[in-house]
Amino acid sequence: MKNNYLFLAINQALTFHSAGKFTFNKKWKHSERIATNYEFILGISGVLHLQVGDDFLEIKKDDFVVISPGTYYNGAQFEEGDLSFYWCHFESDEPASIEAHETISIKVEEMYQQSPFVVLPMLSDTLNISRLHISLNQLFNFCNQKNANQYHLNYLITSILFEISNSLLQSEFLAETSKSERTLSVIQQWIKAHCRDHISLEDIAVEFNYNKSYLSRIFSKQFNQTVTEYINTERLLKSKELLLSTSLNIEEISNLCGFKDKSYFYKLFKKTEQMTPSEFRNTYPITTGLTNE
């Protein structure tokens, strides 16, 4: 499954079927079945042992798996201890294919600006999933509402898949050609990985052997925001993920996300999101107890 990708044309909204957050802390084994539609699974905690076709997978935190219609899958063993993962079923009547990285790269170059499509990894442990936690909680919030609008859900799941695909395309398939652009992309990824530390423009300049002023200028030109703004953007993404997936208090989240003090985090969050961290948490409450995957 690894290094294979689902290429899916998107000429109309996909059909949303169901989604949820599976949470269990007793002995359990995934039921045996053959997929009748597409499903993706995103690990939250613990390890899900799953046989998908001929592959035996260990799905851990932040691992992403796609299961195609007609695929046999089954629990590979009984799970014990805490286990949690997101799951989502959707359907498409559009043309689809599963292809290797090299083939997909050519297709992406040919079609990127010409027709709508998504590319999803069949198996990945490297996706940037910060926004995905937020989007999935929004989806769960809407689908659990009484008389949920099917069209709204269809467009939500389509938007989520575009989000996953765009992240993948930017990181793997649409590589920058110039040396400085490639370096800036590496710096961007380094910031994502270290944003919870108390990093600054000066730290990054030292790490990558750049003049601080020059780095600031080329970064702003490339990404239309300053280094500090980008650091704060990533920290806020991390904070929103923690607000939606944990019960940590605001000060704990502020510290874990690299902010020097709670008041600055609070002020920046409110300015950016037009609501306080607590209001954000209450808008999309943590979904629990959805165990009927």
Protein backbone atom coordinates (compact mmCIF):
# COMPACT_ATOMS: atom_id res chain seq x y z
CA MET A 1 0.00 0.00 0.00
CA LYS A 2 2.83 2.41 0.81
CA ASN A 3 3.99 4.50 -2.17
CA ASN A 4 0.62 3.88 -3.84
CA TYR A 5 -1.87 6.69 -4.27
CA LEU A 6 -5.57 7.01 -5.02
CA PHE A 7 -6.20 9.37 -7.94
CA LEU A 8 -9.83 10.49 -7.89
CA ALA A 9 -11.49 12.90 -10.33
CA ILE A 10 -13.75 15.47 -8.65
CA ASN A 11 -16.30 16.89 -11.09
CA GLN A 12 -19.03 17.01 -8.47
CA ALA A 13 -19.27 16.71 -4.70
CA LEU A 14 -18.57 13.28 -3.24
CA THR A 15 -21.29 11.46 -1.30
CA PHE A 16 -20.80 11.40 2.46
CA HIS A 17 -21.96 8.21 4.21
CA SER A 18 -20.83 8.20 7.82
CA ALA A 19 -18.00 9.21 10.11
CA GLY A 20 -17.00 9.06 13.74
CA LYS A 21 -14.36 8.83 16.38
CA PHE A 22 -13.80 5.30 17.68
CA THR A 23 -12.66 5.17 21.30
CA PHE A 24 -12.25 1.92 23.23
CA ASN A 25 -10.24 0.64 26.18
CA LYS A 26 -11.32 -3.00 26.36
CA LYS A 27 -10.47 -6.14 24.40
CA TRP A 28 -11.75 -5.63 20.86
CA LYS A 29 -11.13 -6.75 17.30
CA HIS A 30 -12.18 -5.01 14.10
CA SER A 31 -14.93 -6.94 12.32
CA GLU A 32 -14.32 -8.75 9.04
CA ARG A 33 -15.81 -7.06 5.99
CA ILE A 34 -15.47 -6.12 2.34
CA ALA A 35 -15.58 -2.38 1.69
CA THR A 36 -18.65 -1.19 -0.22
CA ASN A 37 -17.36 2.39 -0.46
CA TYR A 38 -14.22 4.37 0.30
CA GLU A 39 -13.06 4.63 3.89
CA PHE A 40 -10.17 6.49 5.45
CA ILE A 41 -8.81 5.95 8.95
CA LEU A 42 -6.66 8.40 10.91
CA GLY A 43 -4.95 7.11 14.06
CA ILE A 44 -5.30 9.16 17.25
CA SER A 45 -3.82 6.96 19.98
CA GLY A 46 -2.84 3.35 20.55
CA VAL A 47 -2.21 0.93 17.68
CA LEU A 48 -4.89 -0.54 15.40
CA HIS A 49 -3.78 -3.85 13.86
CA LEU A 50 -5.60 -4.22 10.57
CA GLN A 51 -5.32 -6.55 7.60
CA VAL A 52 -6.18 -4.68 4.39
CA GLY A 53 -6.09 -7.01 1.41
CA ASP A 54 -2.73 -8.78 1.69
CA ASP A 55 -1.16 -6.06 3.84
CA PHE A 56 -0.90 -6.21 7.63
CA LEU A 57 -0.89 -2.70 9.08
CA GLU A 58 -0.12 -1.17 12.45
CA ILE A 59 -2.02 2.12 12.43
CA LYS A 60 -0.54 4.48 15.02
CA LYS A 61 -1.09 8.13 15.96
CA ASP A 62 -1.33 10.36 12.85
CA ASP A 63 -1.13 7.38 10.45
CA PHE A 64 -3.53 7.74 7.51
CA VAL A 65 -5.00 4.79 5.56
CA VAL A 66 -7.41 4.64 2.62
CA ILE A 67 -9.47 1.50 1.90
CA SER A 68 -11.01 1.20 -1.58
CA PRO A 69 -14.37 -0.37 -2.49
CA GLY A 70 -14.16 -4.13 -2.92
CA THR A 71 -11.19 -4.48 -0.56
CA TYR A 72 -11.25 -7.17 2.14
CA TYR A 73 -10.22 -5.94 5.57
CA ASN A 74 -10.28 -7.36 9.06
CA GLY A 75 -8.77 -6.94 12.50
CA ALA A 76 -5.37 -8.65 12.47
CA GLN A 77 -5.53 -9.33 16.21
CA PHE A 78 -7.46 -8.48 19.35
CA GLU A 79 -6.65 -4.98 20.62
CA GLU A 80 -6.13 -4.36 24.31
CA GLY A 81 -5.73 -1.06 26.11
CA ASP A 82 -6.59 2.44 24.93
CA LEU A 83 -7.34 2.77 21.23
CA SER A 84 -8.73 5.75 19.34
CA PHE A 85 -9.04 6.64 15.66
CA TYR A 86 -11.15 8.68 13.26
CA TRP A 87 -13.02 6.88 10.48
CA CYS A 88 -15.00 8.19 7.55
CA HIS A 89 -16.94 6.54 4.70
CA PHE A 90 -17.67 8.27 1.39
CA GLU A 91 -18.60 7.34 -2.16
CA SER A 92 -17.71 8.56 -5.63
CA ASP A 93 -18.99 7.74 -9.11
CA GLU A 94 -16.04 9.56 -10.67
CA PRO A 95 -13.10 7.84 -12.43
CA ALA A 96 -10.51 6.57 -9.96
CA SER A 97 -7.24 4.67 -10.08
CA ILE A 98 -4.55 3.47 -7.68
CA GLU A 99 -1.09 4.19 -9.02
CA ALA A 100 2.57 4.34 -8.02
CA HIS A 101 4.36 7.56 -7.12
CA GLU A 102 6.12 7.91 -10.49
CA THR A 103 2.90 7.56 -12.51
CA ILE A 104 1.00 9.94 -10.26
CA SER A 105 3.78 12.55 -10.55
CA ILE A 106 3.40 12.65 -14.33
CA LYS A 107 -0.38 12.84 -14.11
CA VAL A 108 -0.26 15.64 -11.54
CA GLU A 109 2.09 17.72 -13.72
CA GLU A 110 -0.20 17.27 -16.73
CA MET A 111 -3.53 17.94 -14.99
CA TYR A 112 -2.81 20.16 -11.97
CA GLN A 113 -4.21 23.39 -13.42
CA GLN A 114 -6.63 21.81 -15.90
CA SER A 115 -9.16 19.62 -14.09
CA PRO A 116 -10.25 18.99 -10.49
CA PHE A 117 -8.92 15.90 -8.75
CA VAL A 118 -7.58 14.66 -5.43
CA VAL A 119 -4.58 12.46 -4.73
CA LEU A 120 -4.69 10.52 -1.46
CA PRO A 121 -1.95 8.29 -0.05
CA MET A 122 -3.16 4.73 0.46
CA LEU A 123 -0.89 4.63 3.53
CA SER A 124 1.04 7.52 5.08
CA ASP A 125 2.69 8.48 8.35
CA THR A 126 3.96 11.86 7.13
CA LEU A 127 0.83 13.88 6.38
CA ASN A 128 0.49 17.34 7.89
CA ILE A 129 -2.70 16.59 9.83
CA SER A 130 -3.07 19.63 12.12
CA ARG A 131 -5.89 21.12 10.06
CA LEU A 132 -7.40 17.68 9.49
CA HIS A 133 -8.25 17.27 13.19
CA ILE A 134 -10.14 20.56 13.07
CA SER A 135 -11.97 19.77 9.82
CA LEU A 136 -13.01 16.30 11.00
CA ASN A 137 -14.41 17.65 14.26
CA GLN A 138 -16.45 20.16 12.24
CA LEU A 139 -17.71 17.30 10.06
CA PHE A 140 -18.67 15.22 13.12
CA ASN A 141 -20.40 18.22 14.65
CA PHE A 142 -22.59 18.69 11.56
CA CYS A 143 -23.34 15.01 10.91
CA ASN A 144 -24.51 14.54 14.52
CA GLN A 145 -26.99 17.39 14.25
CA LYS A 146 -30.66 16.55 13.93
CA ASN A 147 -31.81 16.72 10.30
CA ALA A 148 -28.25 17.23 9.05
CA ASN A 149 -28.20 18.49 5.46
CA GLN A 150 -26.80 15.78 3.15
CA TYR A 151 -25.59 18.30 0.57
CA HIS A 152 -23.70 20.18 3.27
CA LEU A 153 -22.06 16.94 4.42
CA ASN A 154 -21.18 16.02 0.83
CA TYR A 155 -19.38 19.32 0.32
CA LEU A 156 -17.66 19.08 3.70
CA ILE A 157 -16.13 15.67 2.98
CA THR A 158 -15.13 16.84 -0.51
CA SER A 159 -13.42 19.88 1.02
CA ILE A 160 -11.59 17.68 3.55
CA LEU A 161 -10.24 15.43 0.80
CA PHE A 162 -9.06 18.47 -1.17
CA GLU A 163 -7.32 19.64 2.01
CA ILE A 164 -5.51 16.30 2.42
CA SER A 165 -4.66 16.18 -1.27
CA ASN A 166 -3.33 19.73 -1.40
CA SER A 167 -1.06 19.09 1.57
CA LEU A 168 0.29 15.98 -0.14
CA LEU A 169 0.73 17.67 -3.51
CA GLN A 170 2.59 20.62 -2.04
CA SER A 171 4.96 18.42 -0.04
CA GLU A 172 5.60 15.57 -2.49
CA PHE A 173 4.56 16.32 -6.07
CA LEU A 174 4.93 20.03 -6.74
CA ALA A 175 8.58 20.40 -5.75
CA GLU A 176 10.10 23.84 -6.08
CA THR A 177 12.81 24.10 -8.70
CA SER A 178 15.14 26.79 -7.43
CA LYS A 179 17.61 26.13 -4.64
CA SER A 180 16.35 29.00 -2.48
CA GLU A 181 12.74 27.87 -2.86
CA ARG A 182 13.69 24.32 -1.92
CA THR A 183 15.57 25.61 1.11
CA LEU A 184 12.61 27.76 2.14
CA SER A 185 10.39 24.69 1.89
CA VAL A 186 12.79 22.84 4.21
CA ILE A 187 12.75 25.81 6.60
CA GLN A 188 8.96 25.77 6.53
CA GLN A 189 8.93 22.09 7.48
CA TRP A 190 11.54 22.72 10.19
CA ILE A 191 9.31 25.42 11.69
CA LYS A 192 6.35 23.01 11.65
CA ALA A 193 8.45 20.44 13.53
CA HIS A 194 9.89 22.90 16.09
CA CYS A 195 7.12 25.48 16.50
CA ARG A 196 6.34 24.17 20.00
CA ASP A 197 9.84 25.21 21.07
CA HIS A 198 10.63 28.85 21.81
CA ILE A 199 12.13 29.44 18.36
CA SER A 200 12.64 32.82 16.71
CA LEU A 201 13.79 34.25 13.39
CA GLU A 202 17.33 34.45 14.77
CA ASP A 203 17.30 30.75 15.76
CA ILE A 204 16.20 29.75 12.26
CA ALA A 205 18.82 31.97 10.61
CA VAL A 206 21.54 30.33 12.70
CA GLU A 207 20.19 26.82 12.03
CA PHE A 208 20.27 27.31 8.24
CA ASN A 209 23.29 29.65 8.09
CA TYR A 210 21.34 32.64 6.72
CA ASN A 211 21.64 36.34 7.38
CA LYS A 212 18.62 37.18 9.54
CA SER A 213 17.46 40.15 7.46
CA TYR A 214 17.92 38.29 4.17
CA LEU A 215 16.00 35.26 5.43
CA SER A 216 13.19 37.49 6.63
CA ARG A 217 12.95 39.21 3.24
CA ILE A 218 12.95 36.08 1.03
CA PHE A 219 10.60 34.18 3.35
CA SER A 220 8.06 37.01 3.29
CA LYS A 221 8.31 37.27 -0.49
CA GLN A 222 7.79 33.53 -0.97
CA PHE A 223 4.99 32.93 1.56
CA ASN A 224 3.37 36.37 1.91
CA GLN A 225 3.88 36.40 5.67
CA THR A 226 6.76 37.02 8.01
CA VAL A 227 8.67 34.24 9.74
CA THR A 228 7.12 35.22 13.06
CA GLU A 229 3.63 35.20 11.56
CA TYR A 230 4.25 31.74 10.14
CA ILE A 231 5.55 30.44 13.48
CA ASN A 232 2.43 31.79 15.20
CA THR A 233 0.19 30.30 12.51
CA GLU A 234 1.65 26.84 13.14
CA ARG A 235 1.44 27.30 16.91
CA LEU A 236 -2.21 28.28 16.63
CA LEU A 237 -2.89 25.20 14.49
CA LYS A 238 -1.30 23.02 17.17
CA SER A 239 -3.32 24.79 19.85
CA LYS A 240 -6.59 24.21 17.99
CA GLU A 241 -5.73 20.53 17.60
CA LEU A 242 -5.12 20.27 21.37
CA LEU A 243 -8.27 22.24 22.18
CA LEU A 244 -10.33 19.76 20.16
CA SER A 245 -8.60 16.52 21.09
CA THR A 246 -7.62 16.98 24.77
CA SER A 247 -9.00 18.36 28.03
CA LEU A 248 -5.83 20.34 28.81
CA ASN A 249 -6.44 23.81 30.21
CA ILE A 250 -5.60 26.99 28.28
CA GLU A 251 -2.33 27.66 30.09
CA GLU A 252 -1.10 24.09 29.50
CA ILE A 253 -1.94 24.33 25.81
CA SER A 254 -0.24 27.73 25.58
CA ASN A 255 2.97 26.29 27.05
CA LEU A 256 2.88 23.13 24.93
CA CYS A 257 2.50 25.17 21.75
CA GLY A 258 5.55 27.37 22.38
CA PHE A 259 3.90 30.60 23.50
CA LYS A 260 5.87 32.50 26.12
CA ASP A 261 2.83 33.43 28.17
CA LYS A 262 -0.86 32.64 28.35
CA SER A 263 -2.05 36.23 27.84
CA TYR A 264 -0.21 36.61 24.52
CA PHE A 265 -1.62 33.28 23.31
CA TYR A 266 -5.12 34.34 24.38
CA LYS A 267 -4.84 37.72 22.64
CA LEU A 268 -3.39 36.28 19.43
CA PHE A 269 -5.97 33.47 19.29
CA LYS A 270 -8.86 35.89 19.72
CA LYS A 271 -7.47 38.28 17.12
CA THR A 272 -6.97 35.49 14.59
CA GLU A 273 -10.09 33.38 15.20
CA GLN A 274 -12.50 36.10 16.35
CA MET A 275 -13.23 34.02 19.44
CA THR A 276 -11.44 32.94 22.61
CA PRO A 277 -9.78 29.50 22.94
CA SER A 278 -12.59 28.38 25.26
CA GLU A 279 -15.26 29.55 22.83
CA PHE A 280 -13.49 27.67 20.03
CA ARG A 281 -13.40 24.49 22.12
CA ASN A 282 -17.11 24.80 22.92
CA THR A 283 -18.01 25.46 19.27
CA TYR A 284 -16.64 22.09 18.18
CA PRO A 285 -16.80 19.86 21.27
CA ILE A 286 -14.78 16.65 21.44
CA THR A 287 -16.74 13.79 19.85
CA THR A 288 -16.77 10.68 22.02
CA GLY A 289 -18.50 7.35 22.23
CA LEU A 290 -18.92 6.75 18.49
CA THR A 291 -17.87 3.12 18.52
CA ASN A 292 -20.07 1.67 15.78
CA GLU A 293 -17.56 1.97 12.96
